[in-house]
Amino acid sequence: MAEIIFEVTQEADGGFVAECMSEGIFTQADSWDELRTNVKEAVAAYFFDHPHLPTAIRLHLVRDEVLANS
């Protein structure tokens, strides 16, 4: 497996949530740096019994913004 992709959203409280698009991996954190660490740990734990880990992890930040149209 070459790469796995996480969709990352920022919560109203400022924290981040990351969900893998192809595997059942989910994690969250209070900061971006903490999220990067948590994602790496979650991927390692998920693939602990697989012979090959993904070679890359992509974090895709999704920003949802609603603008008033007045």
C-alpha atoms as a PDB file:
ATOM      1  CA  MET A   1       0.000   0.000   0.000  1.00  0.00           C
ATOM      2  CA  ALA A   2       1.585   3.220  -1.132  1.00  0.00           C
ATOM      3  CA  GLU A   3      -0.528   5.951   0.458  1.00  0.00           C
ATOM      4  CA  ILE A   4      -3.570   6.385   2.650  1.00  0.00           C
ATOM      5  CA  ILE A   5      -5.591   9.581   2.841  1.00  0.00           C
ATOM      6  CA  PHE A   6      -7.228  11.134   5.885  1.00  0.00           C
ATOM      7  CA  GLU A   7      -9.964  13.728   5.621  1.00  0.00           C
ATOM      8  CA  VAL A   8      -9.335  16.267   8.378  1.00  0.00           C
ATOM      9  CA  THR A   9     -11.933  18.688   9.701  1.00  0.00           C
ATOM     10  CA  GLN A  10     -11.543  21.370  12.331  1.00  0.00           C
ATOM     11  CA  GLU A  11     -14.097  21.347  15.110  1.00  0.00           C
ATOM     12  CA  ALA A  12     -15.794  24.470  16.490  1.00  0.00           C
ATOM     13  CA  ASP A  13     -13.622  24.241  19.621  1.00  0.00           C
ATOM     14  CA  GLY A  14     -10.457  24.387  17.494  1.00  0.00           C
ATOM     15  CA  GLY A  15      -9.576  20.696  17.680  1.00  0.00           C
ATOM     16  CA  PHE A  16      -9.125  18.437  14.674  1.00  0.00           C
ATOM     17  CA  VAL A  17     -10.743  15.159  13.608  1.00  0.00           C
ATOM     18  CA  ALA A  18      -9.118  12.831  11.059  1.00  0.00           C
ATOM     19  CA  GLU A  19     -10.875   9.948   9.325  1.00  0.00           C
ATOM     20  CA  CYS A  20      -9.167   7.604   6.876  1.00  0.00           C
ATOM     21  CA  MET A  21     -10.936   7.425   3.518  1.00  0.00           C
ATOM     22  CA  SER A  22     -10.054   3.786   2.777  1.00  0.00           C
ATOM     23  CA  GLU A  23      -9.636   2.072   6.159  1.00  0.00           C
ATOM     24  CA  GLY A  24     -11.457   2.149   9.484  1.00  0.00           C
ATOM     25  CA  ILE A  25      -9.030   4.552  11.153  1.00  0.00           C
ATOM     26  CA  PHE A  26     -10.223   7.593  13.098  1.00  0.00           C
ATOM     27  CA  THR A  27      -8.455   9.908  15.528  1.00  0.00           C
ATOM     28  CA  GLN A  28      -8.629  13.426  16.928  1.00  0.00           C
ATOM     29  CA  ALA A  29      -6.422  16.014  18.620  1.00  0.00           C
ATOM     30  CA  ASP A  30      -6.365  19.512  20.051  1.00  0.00           C
ATOM     31  CA  SER A  31      -3.635  20.815  17.721  1.00  0.00           C
ATOM     32  CA  TRP A  32      -2.302  20.103  14.229  1.00  0.00           C
ATOM     33  CA  ASP A  33       1.026  18.816  15.577  1.00  0.00           C
ATOM     34  CA  GLU A  34      -0.749  16.505  18.003  1.00  0.00           C
ATOM     35  CA  LEU A  35      -2.996  15.288  15.183  1.00  0.00           C
ATOM     36  CA  ARG A  36       0.016  14.365  13.051  1.00  0.00           C
ATOM     37  CA  THR A  37       1.399  12.286  15.908  1.00  0.00           C
ATOM     38  CA  ASN A  38      -1.974  10.665  16.638  1.00  0.00           C
ATOM     39  CA  VAL A  39      -2.519   9.763  12.977  1.00  0.00           C
ATOM     40  CA  LYS A  40       0.894   8.081  12.763  1.00  0.00           C
ATOM     41  CA  GLU A  41       0.187   6.118  15.958  1.00  0.00           C
ATOM     42  CA  ALA A  42      -3.295   5.125  14.771  1.00  0.00           C
ATOM     43  CA  VAL A  43      -1.946   3.910  11.424  1.00  0.00           C
ATOM     44  CA  ALA A  44       0.817   1.902  13.107  1.00  0.00           C
ATOM     45  CA  ALA A  45      -1.722   0.317  15.486  1.00  0.00           C
ATOM     46  CA  TYR A  46      -4.183  -0.475  12.689  1.00  0.00           C
ATOM     47  CA  PHE A  47      -1.523  -2.152  10.536  1.00  0.00           C
ATOM     48  CA  PHE A  48       0.410  -3.770  13.414  1.00  0.00           C
ATOM     49  CA  ASP A  49      -0.051  -7.297  12.036  1.00  0.00           C
ATOM     50  CA  HIS A  50       0.353  -6.420   8.345  1.00  0.00           C
ATOM     51  CA  PRO A  51       3.727  -6.994   6.681  1.00  0.00           C
ATOM     52  CA  HIS A  52       3.715  -3.587   4.945  1.00  0.00           C
ATOM     53  CA  LEU A  53       2.758  -0.196   6.321  1.00  0.00           C
ATOM     54  CA  PRO A  54       1.592   2.551   3.956  1.00  0.00           C
ATOM     55  CA  THR A  55       4.585   4.452   2.625  1.00  0.00           C
ATOM     56  CA  ALA A  56       2.808   7.814   2.930  1.00  0.00           C
ATOM     57  CA  ILE A  57      -0.033   9.353   4.911  1.00  0.00           C
ATOM     58  CA  ARG A  58      -1.859  12.298   3.340  1.00  0.00           C
ATOM     59  CA  LEU A  59      -3.793  14.696   5.574  1.00  0.00           C
ATOM     60  CA  HIS A  60      -6.437  16.484   3.513  1.00  0.00           C
ATOM     61  CA  LEU A  61      -7.820  19.454   5.446  1.00  0.00           C
ATOM     62  CA  VAL A  62     -11.437  20.157   4.570  1.00  0.00           C
ATOM     63  CA  ARG A  63     -12.770  23.581   5.455  1.00  0.00           C
ATOM     64  CA  ASP A  64     -16.505  24.115   5.510  1.00  0.00           C
ATOM     65  CA  GLU A  65     -17.442  27.780   5.717  1.00  0.00           C
ATOM     66  CA  VAL A  66     -20.908  29.285   5.512  1.00  0.00           C
ATOM     67  CA  LEU A  67     -21.174  32.916   4.410  1.00  0.00           C
ATOM     68  CA  ALA A  68     -24.212  35.078   4.933  1.00  0.00           C
ATOM     69  CA  ASN A  69     -25.615  36.264   1.643  1.00  0.00           C
ATOM     70  CA  SER A  70     -27.246  39.570   2.374  1.00  0.00           C
END
